[in-house]
Amino acid sequence: MIRVVLPAHLRTLGSVKGEVDLEVEGRVTIAAVLDALEARYPPLEGAIRDHVTLKRRPFIRFFVCQEDWSHEPPDTQLPVAVESGSEPFLIVGAIAGG
């Protein structure tokens, strides 16, 4: 089971309460987790990734095992700690400005 933690604005958009637990079939990749998340919470489709290109939206970041994975290719397999649910897949809303 994959644990996904969403920022407050995405939890509100998707009517999600707390942390999300997902089952992912096959290889557990960034794209597979996002596919499963969007399938379970359709209002999130297009909020994390562009509808057409499926590229990560600006100001959205992914963290895995306390490391920034935002620029990793979508087909990158996630570590066993995330696959087993001992570590969450974090989706974070980045802040810009000065």
PDB file of N, CA and C in Angstrom:
ATOM      1  N   MET A   1       0.842  -1.174   0.000  1.00  0.00           N
ATOM      2  CA  MET A   1       0.000   0.000   0.000  1.00  0.00           C
ATOM      3  C   MET A   1       0.894   1.246   0.000  1.00  0.00           C
ATOM      4  N   ILE A   2       0.558   2.196  -0.844  1.00  0.00           N
ATOM      5  CA  ILE A   2       1.297   3.444  -0.971  1.00  0.00           C
ATOM      6  C   ILE A   2       0.564   4.511  -0.157  1.00  0.00           C
ATOM      7  N   ARG A   3       1.314   5.227   0.653  1.00  0.00           N
ATOM      8  CA  ARG A   3       0.755   6.345   1.414  1.00  0.00           C
ATOM      9  C   ARG A   3       1.090   7.636   0.680  1.00  0.00           C
ATOM     10  N   VAL A   4       0.081   8.445   0.415  1.00  0.00           N
ATOM     11  CA  VAL A   4       0.277   9.720  -0.281  1.00  0.00           C
ATOM     12  C   VAL A   4      -0.204  10.845   0.631  1.00  0.00           C
ATOM     13  N   VAL A   5       0.656  11.847   0.795  1.00  0.00           N
ATOM     14  CA  VAL A   5       0.307  13.023   1.581  1.00  0.00           C
ATOM     15  C   VAL A   5       0.162  14.192   0.617  1.00  0.00           C
ATOM     16  N   LEU A   6      -0.997  14.847   0.676  1.00  0.00           N
ATOM     17  CA  LEU A   6      -1.311  15.967  -0.215  1.00  0.00           C
ATOM     18  C   LEU A   6      -1.303  17.279   0.556  1.00  0.00           C
ATOM     19  N   PRO A   7      -0.995  18.392  -0.139  1.00  0.00           N
ATOM     20  CA  PRO A   7      -1.119  19.697   0.517  1.00  0.00           C
ATOM     21  C   PRO A   7      -2.596  20.043   0.711  1.00  0.00           C
ATOM     22  N   ALA A   8      -2.845  20.982   1.600  1.00  0.00           N
ATOM     23  CA  ALA A   8      -4.222  21.337   1.974  1.00  0.00           C
ATOM     24  C   ALA A   8      -5.094  21.701   0.779  1.00  0.00           C
ATOM     25  N   HIS A   9      -4.559  22.474  -0.173  1.00  0.00           N
ATOM     26  CA  HIS A   9      -5.409  22.905  -1.288  1.00  0.00           C
ATOM     27  C   HIS A   9      -5.832  21.738  -2.175  1.00  0.00           C
ATOM     28  N   LEU A  10      -4.979  20.722  -2.321  1.00  0.00           N
ATOM     29  CA  LEU A  10      -5.358  19.553  -3.114  1.00  0.00           C
ATOM     30  C   LEU A  10      -6.294  18.630  -2.335  1.00  0.00           C
ATOM     31  N   ARG A  11      -6.118  18.559  -1.016  1.00  0.00           N
ATOM     32  CA  ARG A  11      -7.068  17.785  -0.204  1.00  0.00           C
ATOM     33  C   ARG A  11      -8.464  18.400  -0.315  1.00  0.00           C
ATOM     34  N   THR A  12      -8.540  19.711  -0.282  1.00  0.00           N
ATOM     35  CA  THR A  12      -9.832  20.393  -0.405  1.00  0.00           C
ATOM     36  C   THR A  12     -10.441  20.137  -1.777  1.00  0.00           C
ATOM     37  N   LEU A  13      -9.635  20.294  -2.831  1.00  0.00           N
ATOM     38  CA  LEU A  13     -10.115  20.082  -4.197  1.00  0.00           C
ATOM     39  C   LEU A  13     -10.663  18.673  -4.396  1.00  0.00           C
ATOM     40  N   GLY A  14      -9.947  17.691  -3.865  1.00  0.00           N
ATOM     41  CA  GLY A  14     -10.350  16.297  -4.051  1.00  0.00           C
ATOM     42  C   GLY A  14     -11.271  15.760  -2.974  1.00  0.00           C
ATOM     43  N   SER A  15     -11.660  16.609  -2.011  1.00  0.00           N
ATOM     44  CA  SER A  15     -12.467  16.169  -0.859  1.00  0.00           C
ATOM     45  C   SER A  15     -11.814  14.991  -0.150  1.00  0.00           C
ATOM     46  N   VAL A  16     -10.518  15.141   0.097  1.00  0.00           N
ATOM     47  CA  VAL A  16      -9.718  14.105   0.730  1.00  0.00           C
ATOM     48  C   VAL A  16      -9.539  14.459   2.201  1.00  0.00           C
ATOM     49  N   LYS A  17      -9.743  13.497   3.051  1.00  0.00           N
ATOM     50  CA  LYS A  17      -9.534  13.682   4.486  1.00  0.00           C
ATOM     51  C   LYS A  17      -8.234  12.981   4.885  1.00  0.00           C
ATOM     52  N   GLY A  18      -7.214  13.740   5.228  1.00  0.00           N
ATOM     53  CA  GLY A  18      -5.960  13.163   5.709  1.00  0.00           C
ATOM     54  C   GLY A  18      -5.133  12.515   4.619  1.00  0.00           C
ATOM     55  N   GLU A  19      -4.380  11.519   5.027  1.00  0.00           N
ATOM     56  CA  GLU A  19      -3.464  10.791   4.145  1.00  0.00           C
ATOM     57  C   GLU A  19      -4.245   9.812   3.266  1.00  0.00           C
ATOM     58  N   VAL A  20      -3.767   9.594   2.051  1.00  0.00           N
ATOM     59  CA  VAL A  20      -4.425   8.693   1.111  1.00  0.00           C
ATOM     60  C   VAL A  20      -3.646   7.376   1.054  1.00  0.00           C
ATOM     61  N   ASP A  21      -4.339   6.259   1.121  1.00  0.00           N
ATOM     62  CA  ASP A  21      -3.733   4.940   0.942  1.00  0.00           C
ATOM     63  C   ASP A  21      -4.164   4.409  -0.416  1.00  0.00           C
ATOM     64  N   LEU A  22      -3.178   4.038  -1.237  1.00  0.00           N
ATOM     65  CA  LEU A  22      -3.466   3.560  -2.594  1.00  0.00           C
ATOM     66  C   LEU A  22      -2.857   2.197  -2.839  1.00  0.00           C
ATOM     67  N   GLU A  23      -3.545   1.407  -3.631  1.00  0.00           N
ATOM     68  CA  GLU A  23      -2.987   0.165  -4.155  1.00  0.00           C
ATOM     69  C   GLU A  23      -2.566   0.445  -5.595  1.00  0.00           C
ATOM     70  N   VAL A  24      -1.343   0.105  -5.930  1.00  0.00           N
ATOM     71  CA  VAL A  24      -0.822   0.310  -7.281  1.00  0.00           C
ATOM     72  C   VAL A  24      -0.436  -1.040  -7.854  1.00  0.00           C
ATOM     73  N   GLU A  25      -0.999  -1.360  -9.011  1.00  0.00           N
ATOM     74  CA  GLU A  25      -0.690  -2.624  -9.682  1.00  0.00           C
ATOM     75  C   GLU A  25       0.603  -2.476 -10.493  1.00  0.00           C
ATOM     76  N   GLY A  26       1.397  -3.523 -10.547  1.00  0.00           N
ATOM     77  CA  GLY A  26       2.619  -3.508 -11.359  1.00  0.00           C
ATOM     78  C   GLY A  26       3.717  -2.687 -10.709  1.00  0.00           C
ATOM     79  N   ARG A  27       4.577  -2.129 -11.566  1.00  0.00           N
ATOM     80  CA  ARG A  27       5.701  -1.311 -11.081  1.00  0.00           C
ATOM     81  C   ARG A  27       5.177  -0.077 -10.365  1.00  0.00           C
ATOM     82  N   VAL A  28       5.745   0.223  -9.230  1.00  0.00           N
ATOM     83  CA  VAL A  28       5.343   1.400  -8.462  1.00  0.00           C
ATOM     84  C   VAL A  28       6.259   2.554  -8.868  1.00  0.00           C
ATOM     85  N   THR A  29       5.756   3.350  -9.804  1.00  0.00           N
ATOM     86  CA  THR A  29       6.499   4.498 -10.317  1.00  0.00           C
ATOM     87  C   THR A  29       5.772   5.780  -9.916  1.00  0.00           C
ATOM     88  N   ILE A  30       6.415   6.898 -10.146  1.00  0.00           N
ATOM     89  CA  ILE A  30       5.769   8.184  -9.889  1.00  0.00           C
ATOM     90  C   ILE A  30       4.474   8.271 -10.694  1.00  0.00           C
ATOM     91  N   ALA A  31       4.550   7.947 -11.982  1.00  0.00           N
ATOM     92  CA  ALA A  31       3.366   8.022 -12.851  1.00  0.00           C
ATOM     93  C   ALA A  31       2.271   7.075 -12.390  1.00  0.00           C
ATOM     94  N   ALA A  32       2.632   5.872 -11.963  1.00  0.00           N
ATOM     95  CA  ALA A  32       1.631   4.900 -11.516  1.00  0.00           C
ATOM     96  C   ALA A  32       0.901   5.390 -10.269  1.00  0.00           C
ATOM     97  N   VAL A  33       1.632   6.008  -9.352  1.00  0.00           N
ATOM     98  CA  VAL A  33       1.010   6.548  -8.142  1.00  0.00           C
ATOM     99  C   VAL A  33       0.058   7.684  -8.508  1.00  0.00           C
ATOM    100  N   LEU A  34       0.504   8.574  -9.386  1.00  0.00           N
ATOM    101  CA  LEU A  34      -0.350   9.692  -9.792  1.00  0.00           C
ATOM    102  C   LEU A  34      -1.570   9.212 -10.570  1.00  0.00           C
ATOM    103  N   ASP A  35      -1.387   8.197 -11.418  1.00  0.00           N
ATOM    104  CA  ASP A  35      -2.529   7.607 -12.141  1.00  0.00           C
ATOM    105  C   ASP A  35      -3.567   7.063 -11.162  1.00  0.00           C
ATOM    106  N   ALA A  36      -3.097   6.312 -10.161  1.00  0.00           N
ATOM    107  CA  ALA A  36      -4.008   5.730  -9.171  1.00  0.00           C
ATOM    108  C   ALA A  36      -4.699   6.813  -8.342  1.00  0.00           C
ATOM    109  N   LEU A  37      -3.950   7.854  -7.994  1.00  0.00           N
ATOM    110  CA  LEU A  37      -4.522   8.956  -7.219  1.00  0.00           C
ATOM    111  C   LEU A  37      -5.615   9.678  -8.001  1.00  0.00           C
ATOM    112  N   GLU A  38      -5.337   9.975  -9.280  1.00  0.00           N
ATOM    113  CA  GLU A  38      -6.323  10.668 -10.114  1.00  0.00           C
ATOM    114  C   GLU A  38      -7.536   9.787 -10.419  1.00  0.00           C
ATOM    115  N   ALA A  39      -7.319   8.479 -10.533  1.00  0.00           N
ATOM    116  CA  ALA A  39      -8.442   7.570 -10.771  1.00  0.00           C
ATOM    117  C   ALA A  39      -9.375   7.523  -9.555  1.00  0.00           C
ATOM    118  N   ARG A  40      -8.797   7.565  -8.387  1.00  0.00           N
ATOM    119  CA  ARG A  40      -9.604   7.501  -7.157  1.00  0.00           C
ATOM    120  C   ARG A  40     -10.251   8.844  -6.829  1.00  0.00           C
ATOM    121  N   TYR A  41      -9.563   9.935  -7.154  1.00  0.00           N
ATOM    122  CA  TYR A  41     -10.060  11.279  -6.875  1.00  0.00           C
ATOM    123  C   TYR A  41     -10.063  12.087  -8.180  1.00  0.00           C
ATOM    124  N   PRO A  42     -11.065  11.897  -9.034  1.00  0.00           N
ATOM    125  CA  PRO A  42     -11.108  12.568 -10.342  1.00  0.00           C
ATOM    126  C   PRO A  42     -10.949  14.089 -10.315  1.00  0.00           C
ATOM    127  N   PRO A  43     -11.404  14.808  -9.281  1.00  0.00           N
ATOM    128  CA  PRO A  43     -11.185  16.262  -9.292  1.00  0.00           C
ATOM    129  C   PRO A  43      -9.699  16.654  -9.283  1.00  0.00           C
ATOM    130  N   LEU A  44      -8.824  15.733  -8.889  1.00  0.00           N
ATOM    131  CA  LEU A  44      -7.389  16.030  -8.870  1.00  0.00           C
ATOM    132  C   LEU A  44      -6.753  15.915 -10.254  1.00  0.00           C
ATOM    133  N   GLU A  45      -7.464  15.299 -11.196  1.00  0.00           N
ATOM    134  CA  GLU A  45      -6.920  15.160 -12.545  1.00  0.00           C
ATOM    135  C   GLU A  45      -6.679  16.543 -13.140  1.00  0.00           C
ATOM    136  N   GLY A  46      -5.447  16.781 -13.545  1.00  0.00           N
ATOM    137  CA  GLY A  46      -5.070  18.063 -14.119  1.00  0.00           C
ATOM    138  C   GLY A  46      -4.543  19.056 -13.097  1.00  0.00           C
ATOM    139  N   ALA A  47      -4.711  18.774 -11.822  1.00  0.00           N
ATOM    140  CA  ALA A  47      -4.227  19.692 -10.787  1.00  0.00           C
ATOM    141  C   ALA A  47      -2.765  19.444 -10.432  1.00  0.00           C
ATOM    142  N   ILE A  48      -2.324  18.212 -10.575  1.00  0.00           N
ATOM    143  CA  ILE A  48      -0.945  17.851 -10.249  1.00  0.00           C
ATOM    144  C   ILE A  48      -0.108  17.768 -11.521  1.00  0.00           C
ATOM    145  N   ARG A  49      -0.722  17.239 -12.583  1.00  0.00           N
ATOM    146  CA  ARG A  49      -0.047  17.116 -13.886  1.00  0.00           C
ATOM    147  C   ARG A  49      -0.919  17.764 -14.950  1.00  0.00           C
ATOM    148  N   ASP A  50      -0.268  18.260 -15.995  1.00  0.00           N
ATOM    149  CA  ASP A  50      -0.987  18.821 -17.136  1.00  0.00           C
ATOM    150  C   ASP A  50      -1.838  17.731 -17.785  1.00  0.00           C
ATOM    151  N   HIS A  51      -3.053  18.075 -18.212  1.00  0.00           N
ATOM    152  CA  HIS A  51      -3.966  17.105 -18.844  1.00  0.00           C
ATOM    153  C   HIS A  51      -3.359  16.442 -20.071  1.00  0.00           C
ATOM    154  N   VAL A  52      -2.674  17.218 -20.901  1.00  0.00           N
ATOM    155  CA  VAL A  52      -2.192  16.718 -22.183  1.00  0.00           C
ATOM    156  C   VAL A  52      -0.805  16.097 -22.074  1.00  0.00           C
ATOM    157  N   THR A  53       0.136  16.843 -21.518  1.00  0.00           N
ATOM    158  CA  THR A  53       1.534  16.383 -21.491  1.00  0.00           C
ATOM    159  C   THR A  53       1.845  15.459 -20.326  1.00  0.00           C
ATOM    160  N   LEU A  54       1.001  15.479 -19.306  1.00  0.00           N
ATOM    161  CA  LEU A  54       1.205  14.729 -18.059  1.00  0.00           C
ATOM    162  C   LEU A  54       2.481  15.141 -17.319  1.00  0.00           C
ATOM    163  N   LYS A  55       2.989  16.332 -17.630  1.00  0.00           N
ATOM    164  CA  LYS A  55       4.149  16.864 -16.907  1.00  0.00           C
ATOM    165  C   LYS A  55       3.683  17.488 -15.599  1.00  0.00           C
ATOM    166  N   ARG A  56       4.547  17.408 -14.615  1.00  0.00           N
ATOM    167  CA  ARG A  56       4.267  18.000 -13.301  1.00  0.00           C
ATOM    168  C   ARG A  56       3.993  19.486 -13.465  1.00  0.00           C
ATOM    169  N   ARG A  57       2.967  19.960 -12.790  1.00  0.00           N
ATOM    170  CA  ARG A  57       2.630  21.382 -12.843  1.00  0.00           C
ATOM    171  C   ARG A  57       3.669  22.187 -12.068  1.00  0.00           C
ATOM    172  N   PRO A  58       3.903  23.447 -12.505  1.00  0.00           N
ATOM    173  CA  PRO A  58       4.796  24.320 -11.737  1.00  0.00           C
ATOM    174  C   PRO A  58       4.260  24.483 -10.311  1.00  0.00           C
ATOM    175  N   PHE A  59       5.142  24.632  -9.393  1.00  0.00           N
ATOM    176  CA  PHE A  59       4.812  24.833  -7.979  1.00  0.00           C
ATOM    177  C   PHE A  59       4.247  23.593  -7.294  1.00  0.00           C
ATOM    178  N   ILE A  60       4.381  22.448  -7.934  1.00  0.00           N
ATOM    179  CA  ILE A  60       4.079  21.164  -7.295  1.00  0.00           C
ATOM    180  C   ILE A  60       5.393  20.401  -7.220  1.00  0.00           C
ATOM    181  N   ARG A  61       5.689  19.862  -6.054  1.00  0.00           N
ATOM    182  CA  ARG A  61       6.930  19.118  -5.852  1.00  0.00           C
ATOM    183  C   ARG A  61       6.602  17.737  -5.308  1.00  0.00           C
ATOM    184  N   PHE A  62       7.483  16.767  -5.585  1.00  0.00           N
ATOM    185  CA  PHE A  62       7.345  15.410  -5.073  1.00  0.00           C
ATOM    186  C   PHE A  62       8.537  15.113  -4.168  1.00  0.00           C
ATOM    187  N   PHE A  63       8.267  14.564  -2.996  1.00  0.00           N
ATOM    188  CA  PHE A  63       9.328  14.172  -2.076  1.00  0.00           C
ATOM    189  C   PHE A  63       9.172  12.707  -1.725  1.00  0.00           C
ATOM    190  N   VAL A  64      10.306  11.998  -1.764  1.00  0.00           N
ATOM    191  CA  VAL A  64      10.351  10.570  -1.488  1.00  0.00           C
ATOM    192  C   VAL A  64      11.525  10.330  -0.549  1.00  0.00           C
ATOM    193  N   CYS A  65      11.265   9.726   0.586  1.00  0.00           N
ATOM    194  CA  CYS A  65      12.313   9.415   1.564  1.00  0.00           C
ATOM    195  C   CYS A  65      13.167  10.652   1.862  1.00  0.00           C
ATOM    196  N   GLN A  66      12.510  11.772   2.073  1.00  0.00           N
ATOM    197  CA  GLN A  66      13.127  13.046   2.442  1.00  0.00           C
ATOM    198  C   GLN A  66      14.011  13.637   1.344  1.00  0.00           C
ATOM    199  N   GLU A  67      13.808  13.210   0.098  1.00  0.00           N
ATOM    200  CA  GLU A  67      14.549  13.750  -1.040  1.00  0.00           C
ATOM    201  C   GLU A  67      13.577  14.298  -2.079  1.00  0.00           C
ATOM    202  N   ASP A  68      13.991  15.357  -2.766  1.00  0.00           N
ATOM    203  CA  ASP A  68      13.174  15.970  -3.816  1.00  0.00           C
ATOM    204  C   ASP A  68      13.278  15.126  -5.083  1.00  0.00           C
ATOM    205  N   TRP A  69      12.152  14.574  -5.494  1.00  0.00           N
ATOM    206  CA  TRP A  69      12.092  13.751  -6.705  1.00  0.00           C
ATOM    207  C   TRP A  69      11.311  14.456  -7.806  1.00  0.00           C
ATOM    208  N   SER A  70      11.147  15.742  -7.687  1.00  0.00           N
ATOM    209  CA  SER A  70      10.312  16.496  -8.623  1.00  0.00           C
ATOM    210  C   SER A  70      10.801  16.430 -10.059  1.00  0.00           C
ATOM    211  N   HIS A  71      12.092  16.294 -10.253  1.00  0.00           N
ATOM    212  CA  HIS A  71      12.649  16.298 -11.609  1.00  0.00           C
ATOM    213  C   HIS A  71      13.004  14.899 -12.109  1.00  0.00           C
ATOM    214  N   GLU A  72      12.614  13.883 -11.353  1.00  0.00           N
ATOM    215  CA  GLU A  72      12.844  12.508 -11.802  1.00  0.00           C
ATOM    216  C   GLU A  72      11.848  12.175 -12.909  1.00  0.00           C
ATOM    217  N   PRO A  73      12.241  11.331 -13.864  1.00  0.00           N
ATOM    218  CA  PRO A  73      11.289  10.923 -14.917  1.00  0.00           C
ATOM    219  C   PRO A  73      10.078  10.210 -14.297  1.00  0.00           C
ATOM    220  N   PRO A  74       8.906  10.374 -14.905  1.00  0.00           N
ATOM    221  CA  PRO A  74       7.687   9.767 -14.353  1.00  0.00           C
ATOM    222  C   PRO A  74       7.745   8.245 -14.226  1.00  0.00           C
ATOM    223  N   ASP A  75       8.568   7.590 -15.041  1.00  0.00           N
ATOM    224  CA  ASP A  75       8.647   6.127 -14.972  1.00  0.00           C
ATOM    225  C   ASP A  75       9.693   5.636 -13.973  1.00  0.00           C
ATOM    226  N   THR A  76      10.207   6.538 -13.121  1.00  0.00           N
ATOM    227  CA  THR A  76      11.171   6.164 -12.100  1.00  0.00           C
ATOM    228  C   THR A  76      10.484   5.332 -11.023  1.00  0.00           C
ATOM    229  N   GLN A  77      11.049   4.159 -10.750  1.00  0.00           N
ATOM    230  CA  GLN A  77      10.470   3.290  -9.728  1.00  0.00           C
ATOM    231  C   GLN A  77      10.758   3.865  -8.346  1.00  0.00           C
ATOM    232  N   LEU A  78       9.752   3.824  -7.494  1.00  0.00           N
ATOM    233  CA  LEU A  78       9.880   4.343  -6.139  1.00  0.00           C
ATOM    234  C   LEU A  78      10.576   3.323  -5.239  1.00  0.00           C
ATOM    235  N   PRO A  79      11.254   3.793  -4.192  1.00  0.00           N
ATOM    236  CA  PRO A  79      11.957   2.884  -3.277  1.00  0.00           C
ATOM    237  C   PRO A  79      11.010   1.922  -2.559  1.00  0.00           C
ATOM    238  N   VAL A  80      11.567   0.834  -2.084  1.00  0.00           N
ATOM    239  CA  VAL A  80      10.801  -0.186  -1.360  1.00  0.00           C
ATOM    240  C   VAL A  80      10.115   0.422  -0.138  1.00  0.00           C
ATOM    241  N   ALA A  81      10.751   1.387   0.515  1.00  0.00           N
ATOM    242  CA  ALA A  81      10.147   2.023   1.698  1.00  0.00           C
ATOM    243  C   ALA A  81       8.811   2.688   1.352  1.00  0.00           C
ATOM    244  N   VAL A  82       8.700   3.243   0.155  1.00  0.00           N
ATOM    245  CA  VAL A  82       7.439   3.859  -0.277  1.00  0.00           C
ATOM    246  C   VAL A  82       6.456   2.768  -0.706  1.00  0.00           C
ATOM    247  N   GLU A  83       6.946   1.770  -1.435  1.00  0.00           N
ATOM    248  CA  GLU A  83       6.087   0.657  -1.870  1.00  0.00           C
ATOM    249  C   GLU A  83       5.444  -0.052  -0.690  1.00  0.00           C
ATOM    250  N   SER A  84       6.200  -0.214   0.389  1.00  0.00           N
ATOM    251  CA  SER A  84       5.704  -0.941   1.557  1.00  0.00           C
ATOM    252  C   SER A  84       4.828  -0.082   2.464  1.00  0.00           C
ATOM    253  N   GLY A  85       4.842   1.230   2.243  1.00  0.00           N
ATOM    254  CA  GLY A  85       4.039   2.124   3.060  1.00  0.00           C
ATOM    255  C   GLY A  85       4.753   2.633   4.305  1.00  0.00           C
ATOM    256  N   SER A  86       6.020   2.256   4.495  1.00  0.00           N
ATOM    257  CA  SER A  86       6.728   2.754   5.679  1.00  0.00           C
ATOM    258  C   SER A  86       7.142   4.214   5.515  1.00  0.00           C
ATOM    259  N   GLU A  87       7.269   4.678   4.285  1.00  0.00           N
ATOM    260  CA  GLU A  87       7.543   6.085   3.979  1.00  0.00           C
ATOM    261  C   GLU A  87       6.462   6.586   3.024  1.00  0.00           C
ATOM    262  N   PRO A  88       5.986   7.822   3.199  1.00  0.00           N
ATOM    263  CA  PRO A  88       4.952   8.344   2.300  1.00  0.00           C
ATOM    264  C   PRO A  88       5.541   8.954   1.032  1.00  0.00           C
ATOM    265  N   PHE A  89       4.701   9.069   0.023  1.00  0.00           N
ATOM    266  CA  PHE A  89       4.994   9.839  -1.187  1.00  0.00           C
ATOM    267  C   PHE A  89       4.357  11.195  -0.927  1.00  0.00           C
ATOM    268  N   LEU A  90       5.182  12.222  -0.826  1.00  0.00           N
ATOM    269  CA  LEU A  90       4.686  13.552  -0.492  1.00  0.00           C
ATOM    270  C   LEU A  90       4.513  14.404  -1.743  1.00  0.00           C
ATOM    271  N   ILE A  91       3.356  14.996  -1.875  1.00  0.00           N
ATOM    272  CA  ILE A  91       3.103  15.988  -2.918  1.00  0.00           C
ATOM    273  C   ILE A  91       2.981  17.316  -2.185  1.00  0.00           C
ATOM    274  N   VAL A  92       3.850  18.258  -2.550  1.00  0.00           N
ATOM    275  CA  VAL A  92       3.960  19.504  -1.807  1.00  0.00           C
ATOM    276  C   VAL A  92       3.709  20.676  -2.735  1.00  0.00           C
ATOM    277  N   GLY A  93       2.954  21.630  -2.266  1.00  0.00           N
ATOM    278  CA  GLY A  93       2.759  22.879  -3.008  1.00  0.00           C
ATOM    279  C   GLY A  93       3.926  23.799  -2.706  1.00  0.00           C
ATOM    280  N   ALA A  94       4.720  24.125  -3.736  1.00  0.00           N
ATOM    281  CA  ALA A  94       5.879  24.994  -3.560  1.00  0.00           C
ATOM    282  C   ALA A  94       5.436  26.446  -3.460  1.00  0.00           C
ATOM    283  N   ILE A  95       6.259  27.256  -2.839  1.00  0.00           N
ATOM    284  CA  ILE A  95       5.976  28.678  -2.665  1.00  0.00           C
ATOM    285  C   ILE A  95       7.051  29.480  -3.387  1.00  0.00           C
ATOM    286  N   ALA A  96       6.638  30.498  -4.108  1.00  0.00           N
ATOM    287  CA  ALA A  96       7.582  31.357  -4.810  1.00  0.00           C
ATOM    288  C   ALA A  96       7.445  32.780  -4.280  1.00  0.00           C
ATOM    289  N   GLY A  97       8.449  33.538  -4.500  1.00  0.00           N
ATOM    290  CA  GLY A  97       8.387  34.939  -4.086  1.00  0.00           C
ATOM    291  C   GLY A  97       9.666  35.341  -3.405  1.00  0.00           C
ATOM    292  N   GLY A  98       9.678  36.528  -2.907  1.00  0.00           N
ATOM    293  CA  GLY A  98      10.901  36.992  -2.280  1.00  0.00           C
ATOM    294  C   GLY A  98      10.633  37.867  -1.108  1.00  0.00           C
TER     295      GLY A  98
END
